Amino acid sequence: MIEPKPEFLKRMKELLKDENDFQNYLSIIKKPTRNIIRVNTIKISEQELIKKIEKKWKIDKIFENALEIKSDLLPGALGKAVEHQLGLYYIQELSSMLPPLALEPREGEAILDLCAAPGSKTTQISMLMQNKGTIIANDIRIDRLKALQTNLDRCGCTNVITTKMNGINLCSNLEKKNILFDKILLDAPCSGEGIVRSDPNVLLMWNLNMIKKIASEQRKLISAALSCLKRGGILVYSTCTHAPEENEFIIEYALKNFNIELQEIKLPIKSRDGIVSWEGEKLNSEIKFCRRIYPQDNDSEGFFIAKLIKK
């Protein structure tokens, strides 16, 4: 296990406040992540998939279409299984499933997934839409876009158009052509503090300058995304980090600069309110409606989710 930097620990302790909570956090990030899969109901029902795989694995249901494989597995076993190759399920961390649930996509809607690759959330959105409607799934990197397309094909997602562009430029082009969306998912690039269980190298790269640089890009992305959202439309902003500069402060920026409001989010696992003050700076009281998911609360990775409606 790579040891977190002192400044990282100091910030996490300040976020969590309670010493027992902090110790629980330190304990959980040293443990491997659980084996979680999402049933792909485009191809199979939850009940049918359970019948197929319970012969070889012990399964626990977490919430609808989210299953945990409790059996001991060889490395790569879930990815090599024929059910995975056929697209009957997607290997997806528990917290990663939450932003599409918050977005609540519906059949027939026009949806933009601005930073889509490798496709866990795109395929989930397509599934929730029952393949009816249109998703624009964008990413800037060709290698990630190839992975996205592979996952879309494997999962049978036929209502998705993929694009390769800088997200800010894409939104600008769409706005100029008056192409607006019912809903937008902005799962923003971030410092990754929440995924240290699966990628401990995050702790090596972590530094405050990186957080400030990423936050600057996130402000540009959310501004661009809101410009091509319909009135009454919903934008879900999410990250896999705990840093307030990349989370609540981005939402504070959006509230100050756009005619939007925050909506409450109901999630199927434990979450905590967004913080409304950090390092002496007070934020809009609405920001409590944001949701923080900490690893120690659900034996998961960490996430942040906010749901905005455009007035």
Protein backbone atom coordinates (compact mmCIF):
# COMPACT_ATOMS: atom_id res chain seq x y z
CA MET A 1 0.00 0.00 0.00
CA ILE A 2 1.32 3.43 -1.01
CA GLU A 3 1.26 5.75 1.98
CA PRO A 4 -0.81 8.93 1.52
CA LYS A 5 1.02 12.25 1.72
CA PRO A 6 0.68 14.19 5.01
CA GLU A 7 -1.23 17.03 3.33
CA PHE A 8 -3.70 14.55 1.85
CA LEU A 9 -4.31 12.99 5.26
CA LYS A 10 -4.72 16.41 6.85
CA ARG A 11 -7.40 17.36 4.34
CA MET A 12 -9.27 14.08 4.69
CA LYS A 13 -9.25 14.43 8.47
CA GLU A 14 -10.66 17.93 8.13
CA LEU A 15 -13.38 16.70 5.77
CA LEU A 16 -14.42 13.79 7.98
CA LYS A 17 -13.94 15.62 11.30
CA ASP A 18 -14.71 12.60 13.50
CA GLU A 19 -11.57 10.63 14.49
CA ASN A 20 -13.30 7.24 14.36
CA ASP A 21 -14.66 8.06 10.92
CA PHE A 22 -11.20 9.06 9.77
CA GLN A 23 -9.68 5.82 11.09
CA ASN A 24 -12.41 3.83 9.33
CA TYR A 25 -11.51 5.65 6.12
CA LEU A 26 -7.81 4.82 6.52
CA SER A 27 -8.70 1.18 7.11
CA ILE A 28 -11.03 0.74 4.14
CA ILE A 29 -8.70 2.29 1.54
CA LYS A 30 -6.18 -0.46 2.28
CA LYS A 31 -8.66 -3.16 1.31
CA PRO A 32 -9.32 -4.40 -2.23
CA THR A 33 -12.55 -3.37 -3.91
CA ARG A 34 -15.55 -5.69 -4.10
CA ASN A 35 -16.47 -7.65 -7.23
CA ILE A 36 -19.50 -5.70 -8.44
CA ILE A 37 -21.39 -6.18 -11.71
CA ARG A 38 -24.34 -4.37 -13.27
CA VAL A 39 -26.95 -6.45 -15.08
CA ASN A 40 -27.39 -5.23 -18.67
CA THR A 41 -31.17 -5.36 -19.02
CA ILE A 42 -30.93 -4.52 -22.73
CA LYS A 43 -29.98 -8.18 -23.15
CA ILE A 44 -31.18 -10.04 -20.06
CA SER A 45 -33.25 -9.57 -16.91
CA GLU A 46 -31.68 -9.57 -13.48
CA GLN A 47 -33.47 -12.80 -12.57
CA GLU A 48 -32.32 -14.55 -15.75
CA LEU A 49 -28.69 -13.51 -15.24
CA ILE A 50 -28.70 -14.66 -11.62
CA LYS A 51 -29.95 -18.07 -12.76
CA LYS A 52 -27.11 -18.28 -15.27
CA ILE A 53 -24.25 -17.34 -12.97
CA GLU A 54 -25.36 -18.65 -9.57
CA LYS A 55 -24.21 -22.11 -10.67
CA LYS A 56 -20.58 -20.96 -10.51
CA TRP A 57 -20.60 -17.93 -8.18
CA LYS A 58 -22.24 -16.91 -4.94
CA ILE A 59 -24.20 -13.70 -5.50
CA ASP A 60 -25.59 -10.94 -3.28
CA LYS A 61 -28.03 -8.34 -4.63
CA ILE A 62 -27.10 -4.79 -3.55
CA PHE A 63 -29.86 -2.83 -5.29
CA GLU A 64 -31.75 -3.19 -8.55
CA ASN A 65 -29.45 -4.63 -11.25
CA ALA A 66 -26.38 -4.29 -9.01
CA LEU A 67 -24.89 -7.60 -7.87
CA GLU A 68 -21.86 -8.54 -5.82
CA ILE A 69 -19.94 -11.71 -6.63
CA LYS A 70 -18.99 -13.11 -3.23
CA SER A 71 -17.02 -16.13 -4.46
CA ASP A 72 -13.22 -16.25 -4.59
CA LEU A 73 -12.22 -15.32 -8.13
CA LEU A 74 -9.09 -15.78 -10.17
CA PRO A 75 -7.67 -12.52 -11.57
CA GLY A 76 -9.66 -11.44 -14.60
CA ALA A 77 -12.34 -14.10 -14.10
CA LEU A 78 -15.26 -11.67 -14.35
CA GLY A 79 -13.93 -10.18 -17.58
CA LYS A 80 -13.20 -13.55 -19.17
CA ALA A 81 -16.60 -15.08 -18.42
CA VAL A 82 -18.80 -15.75 -21.45
CA GLU A 83 -21.63 -13.76 -19.87
CA HIS A 84 -19.40 -10.69 -19.81
CA GLN A 85 -18.20 -11.20 -23.36
CA LEU A 86 -21.82 -11.46 -24.51
CA GLY A 87 -22.61 -8.18 -22.76
CA LEU A 88 -25.02 -9.65 -20.24
CA TYR A 89 -23.32 -7.69 -17.47
CA TYR A 90 -20.89 -4.82 -17.05
CA ILE A 91 -18.13 -4.85 -14.44
CA GLN A 92 -18.83 -1.55 -12.70
CA GLU A 93 -17.91 -0.20 -9.29
CA LEU A 94 -20.87 0.51 -7.04
CA SER A 95 -20.40 4.28 -6.80
CA SER A 96 -19.97 4.56 -10.57
CA MET A 97 -23.57 3.41 -11.03
CA LEU A 98 -24.98 6.35 -9.06
CA PRO A 99 -24.62 9.33 -11.47
CA PRO A 100 -26.84 7.71 -14.16
CA LEU A 101 -29.39 6.87 -11.47
CA ALA A 102 -29.37 10.53 -10.38
CA LEU A 103 -29.75 11.61 -14.02
CA GLU A 104 -32.92 9.49 -14.37
CA PRO A 105 -32.76 9.11 -18.17
CA ARG A 106 -36.06 8.39 -19.92
CA GLU A 107 -37.06 6.85 -23.24
CA GLY A 108 -37.00 9.29 -26.13
CA GLU A 109 -34.79 11.92 -24.49
CA ALA A 110 -31.74 13.60 -26.01
CA ILE A 111 -28.81 13.10 -23.65
CA LEU A 112 -25.18 14.23 -23.75
CA ASP A 113 -22.51 12.21 -21.95
CA LEU A 114 -19.68 14.71 -22.23
CA CYS A 115 -16.73 12.68 -20.88
CA ALA A 116 -18.02 9.23 -21.70
CA ALA A 117 -15.18 6.73 -22.13
CA PRO A 118 -14.77 3.90 -21.39
CA GLY A 119 -18.56 3.65 -21.26
CA SER A 120 -19.75 2.28 -17.93
CA LYS A 121 -22.17 5.17 -17.46
CA THR A 122 -23.03 5.52 -21.15
CA THR A 123 -24.10 1.89 -21.39
CA GLN A 124 -26.06 2.28 -18.16
CA ILE A 125 -27.86 5.37 -19.49
CA SER A 126 -28.67 3.53 -22.71
CA MET A 127 -30.02 0.64 -20.67
CA LEU A 128 -32.21 2.95 -18.55
CA MET A 129 -33.55 4.48 -21.78
CA GLN A 130 -34.28 0.98 -23.09
CA ASN A 131 -32.27 1.95 -26.18
CA LYS A 132 -34.91 4.56 -27.12
CA GLY A 133 -33.87 8.17 -27.65
CA THR A 134 -30.44 9.58 -28.49
CA ILE A 135 -27.18 9.73 -26.57
CA ILE A 136 -24.18 11.72 -27.76
CA ALA A 137 -21.18 10.09 -26.06
CA ASN A 138 -18.03 12.17 -26.33
CA ASP A 139 -14.40 11.72 -25.38
CA ILE A 140 -11.23 13.49 -26.40
CA ARG A 141 -8.84 10.53 -26.55
CA ILE A 142 -8.96 8.03 -29.40
CA ASP A 143 -7.75 5.10 -27.30
CA ARG A 144 -10.52 5.70 -24.77
CA LEU A 145 -13.04 6.19 -27.56
CA LYS A 146 -12.15 2.76 -28.96
CA ALA A 147 -12.83 1.21 -25.56
CA LEU A 148 -16.13 3.08 -25.42
CA GLN A 149 -17.21 1.78 -28.82
CA THR A 150 -16.23 -1.77 -27.89
CA ASN A 151 -18.36 -1.61 -24.75
CA LEU A 152 -21.32 -0.09 -26.61
CA ASP A 153 -21.18 -2.89 -29.18
CA ARG A 154 -20.82 -5.60 -26.54
CA CYS A 155 -23.77 -4.29 -24.55
CA GLY A 156 -26.03 -3.82 -27.58
CA CYS A 157 -26.43 -0.06 -27.16
CA THR A 158 -27.86 1.13 -30.48
CA ASN A 159 -29.03 4.63 -29.52
CA VAL A 160 -25.53 6.12 -29.05
CA ILE A 161 -23.54 8.38 -31.36
CA THR A 162 -19.86 8.72 -30.41
CA THR A 163 -17.83 11.86 -30.99
CA LYS A 164 -14.16 12.70 -30.48
CA MET A 165 -13.76 16.32 -29.47
CA ASN A 166 -12.62 18.59 -26.70
CA GLY A 167 -15.76 18.75 -24.55
CA ILE A 168 -15.75 22.55 -24.37
CA ASN A 169 -15.47 22.92 -28.15
CA LEU A 170 -18.17 20.32 -28.72
CA CYS A 171 -20.65 22.16 -26.50
CA SER A 172 -19.81 25.46 -28.19
CA ASN A 173 -20.47 23.97 -31.63
CA LEU A 174 -23.73 22.38 -30.48
CA GLU A 175 -24.96 25.62 -28.91
CA LYS A 176 -24.22 27.60 -32.08
CA LYS A 177 -26.37 25.13 -34.03
CA ASN A 178 -29.08 25.33 -31.33
CA ILE A 179 -28.71 21.63 -30.55
CA LEU A 180 -29.80 21.40 -26.92
CA PHE A 181 -30.23 18.43 -24.61
CA ASP A 182 -32.86 17.25 -22.16
CA LYS A 183 -30.18 15.92 -19.84
CA ILE A 184 -26.39 16.02 -19.60
CA LEU A 185 -23.99 13.87 -17.62
CA LEU A 186 -20.71 15.59 -16.83
CA ASP A 187 -18.60 12.93 -15.13
CA ALA A 188 -15.65 15.26 -15.01
CA PRO A 189 -11.95 14.36 -15.16
CA CYS A 190 -10.65 14.75 -11.61
CA SER A 191 -7.79 14.07 -9.20
CA GLY A 192 -9.21 10.62 -8.37
CA GLU A 193 -8.97 10.77 -4.57
CA GLY A 194 -11.96 8.44 -4.33
CA ILE A 195 -10.39 5.57 -6.28
CA VAL A 196 -7.22 4.94 -4.29
CA ARG A 197 -8.42 1.41 -3.49
CA SER A 198 -8.34 0.38 -7.15
CA ASP A 199 -5.55 2.73 -8.22
CA PRO A 200 -3.09 3.47 -5.36
CA ASN A 201 -0.87 5.38 -7.80
CA VAL A 202 -3.30 8.27 -7.37
CA LEU A 203 -1.61 8.84 -4.01
CA LEU A 204 1.79 9.23 -5.69
CA MET A 205 0.56 11.83 -8.17
CA TRP A 206 -1.62 13.74 -5.73
CA ASN A 207 -0.79 17.40 -5.04
CA LEU A 208 -2.68 20.63 -4.44
CA ASN A 209 -1.42 22.29 -7.63
CA MET A 210 -2.90 19.44 -9.66
CA ILE A 211 -6.26 19.91 -7.91
CA LYS A 212 -6.29 23.63 -8.70
CA LYS A 213 -5.41 22.99 -12.36
CA ILE A 214 -8.11 20.34 -12.73
CA ALA A 215 -10.70 22.54 -11.01
CA SER A 216 -10.01 25.29 -13.56
CA GLU A 217 -10.80 22.87 -16.39
CA GLN A 218 -13.91 21.61 -14.58
CA ARG A 219 -15.31 25.15 -14.38
CA LYS A 220 -14.88 25.49 -18.14
CA LEU A 221 -16.55 22.13 -18.75
CA ILE A 222 -19.60 22.83 -16.59
CA SER A 223 -20.01 26.27 -18.18
CA ALA A 224 -19.88 24.73 -21.66
CA ALA A 225 -22.27 21.92 -20.74
CA LEU A 226 -24.88 24.26 -19.23
CA SER A 227 -24.84 26.34 -22.42
CA CYS A 228 -26.33 23.45 -24.43
CA LEU A 229 -28.85 22.27 -21.83
CA LYS A 230 -32.55 22.99 -22.44
CA ARG A 231 -34.55 25.11 -20.01
CA GLY A 232 -35.96 22.70 -17.46
CA GLY A 233 -33.19 20.27 -18.39
CA ILE A 234 -31.07 18.40 -15.87
CA LEU A 235 -27.29 18.24 -15.59
CA VAL A 236 -25.64 15.75 -13.26
CA TYR A 237 -22.09 16.67 -12.30
CA SER A 238 -19.98 13.91 -10.76
CA THR A 239 -16.38 13.14 -9.85
CA CYS A 240 -14.52 10.30 -8.17
CA THR A 241 -12.70 12.65 -5.81
CA HIS A 242 -13.26 14.15 -2.35
CA ALA A 243 -11.54 17.50 -3.00
CA PRO A 244 -14.01 20.35 -2.34
CA GLU A 245 -12.24 22.49 -4.95
CA GLU A 246 -13.34 19.98 -7.61
CA ASN A 247 -16.78 19.37 -6.14
CA GLU A 248 -18.73 21.88 -4.07
CA PHE A 249 -16.68 24.83 -5.31
CA ILE A 250 -17.52 23.91 -8.92
CA ILE A 251 -21.21 23.85 -8.04
CA GLU A 252 -20.86 27.15 -6.17
CA TYR A 253 -19.33 28.64 -9.32
CA ALA A 254 -22.20 27.30 -11.45
CA LEU A 255 -24.85 28.66 -9.07
CA LYS A 256 -23.27 32.12 -9.15
CA ASN A 257 -22.93 32.29 -12.93
CA PHE A 258 -25.96 30.46 -14.34
CA ASN A 259 -29.72 30.46 -13.77
CA ILE A 260 -29.85 27.04 -12.15
CA GLU A 261 -30.85 25.40 -8.92
CA LEU A 262 -29.79 22.27 -7.10
CA GLN A 263 -32.13 19.33 -6.71
CA GLU A 264 -32.15 16.75 -3.96
CA ILE A 265 -30.89 13.31 -4.97
CA LYS A 266 -32.19 9.98 -3.73
CA LEU A 267 -29.61 7.21 -3.90
CA PRO A 268 -29.89 3.49 -3.04
CA ILE A 269 -26.80 3.57 -0.80
CA LYS A 270 -25.64 5.76 2.07
CA SER A 271 -24.47 9.24 1.15
CA ARG A 272 -23.68 12.47 3.00
CA ASP A 273 -24.57 16.11 2.42
CA GLY A 274 -22.28 18.34 0.43
CA ILE A 275 -20.11 20.53 2.62
CA VAL A 276 -21.10 24.21 2.91
CA SER A 277 -17.82 25.59 4.26
CA TRP A 278 -14.18 24.79 3.63
CA GLU A 279 -11.01 26.43 4.91
CA GLY A 280 -12.92 29.44 6.20
CA GLU A 281 -15.00 30.00 3.05
CA LYS A 282 -18.78 29.64 3.32
CA LEU A 283 -20.74 28.30 0.36
CA ASN A 284 -24.35 28.52 -0.77
CA SER A 285 -26.55 26.61 1.69
CA GLU A 286 -28.19 24.77 -1.25
CA ILE A 287 -24.95 22.86 -1.72
CA LYS A 288 -25.98 20.52 1.09
CA PHE A 289 -28.18 18.85 -1.59
CA CYS A 290 -25.01 17.52 -3.27
CA ARG A 291 -24.12 13.98 -2.27
CA ARG A 292 -20.77 12.71 -0.99
CA ILE A 293 -20.06 8.98 -1.04
CA TYR A 294 -17.21 7.92 1.22
CA PRO A 295 -15.54 4.47 0.92
CA GLN A 296 -16.12 3.56 4.57
CA ASP A 297 -19.89 4.09 4.35
CA ASN A 298 -20.65 1.44 1.73
CA ASP A 299 -17.39 -0.49 1.25
CA SER A 300 -17.12 1.27 -2.10
CA GLU A 301 -14.99 3.84 -3.82
CA GLY A 302 -15.54 7.55 -3.22
CA PHE A 303 -17.76 9.79 -5.34
CA PHE A 304 -19.42 13.20 -5.49
CA ILE A 305 -22.72 13.90 -7.25
CA ALA A 306 -24.72 17.08 -7.84
CA LYS A 307 -27.99 17.44 -9.77
CA LEU A 308 -28.71 20.81 -11.38
CA ILE A 309 -31.86 21.99 -13.15
CA LYS A 310 -31.72 24.89 -15.61
CA LYS A 311 -34.41 27.51 -15.03
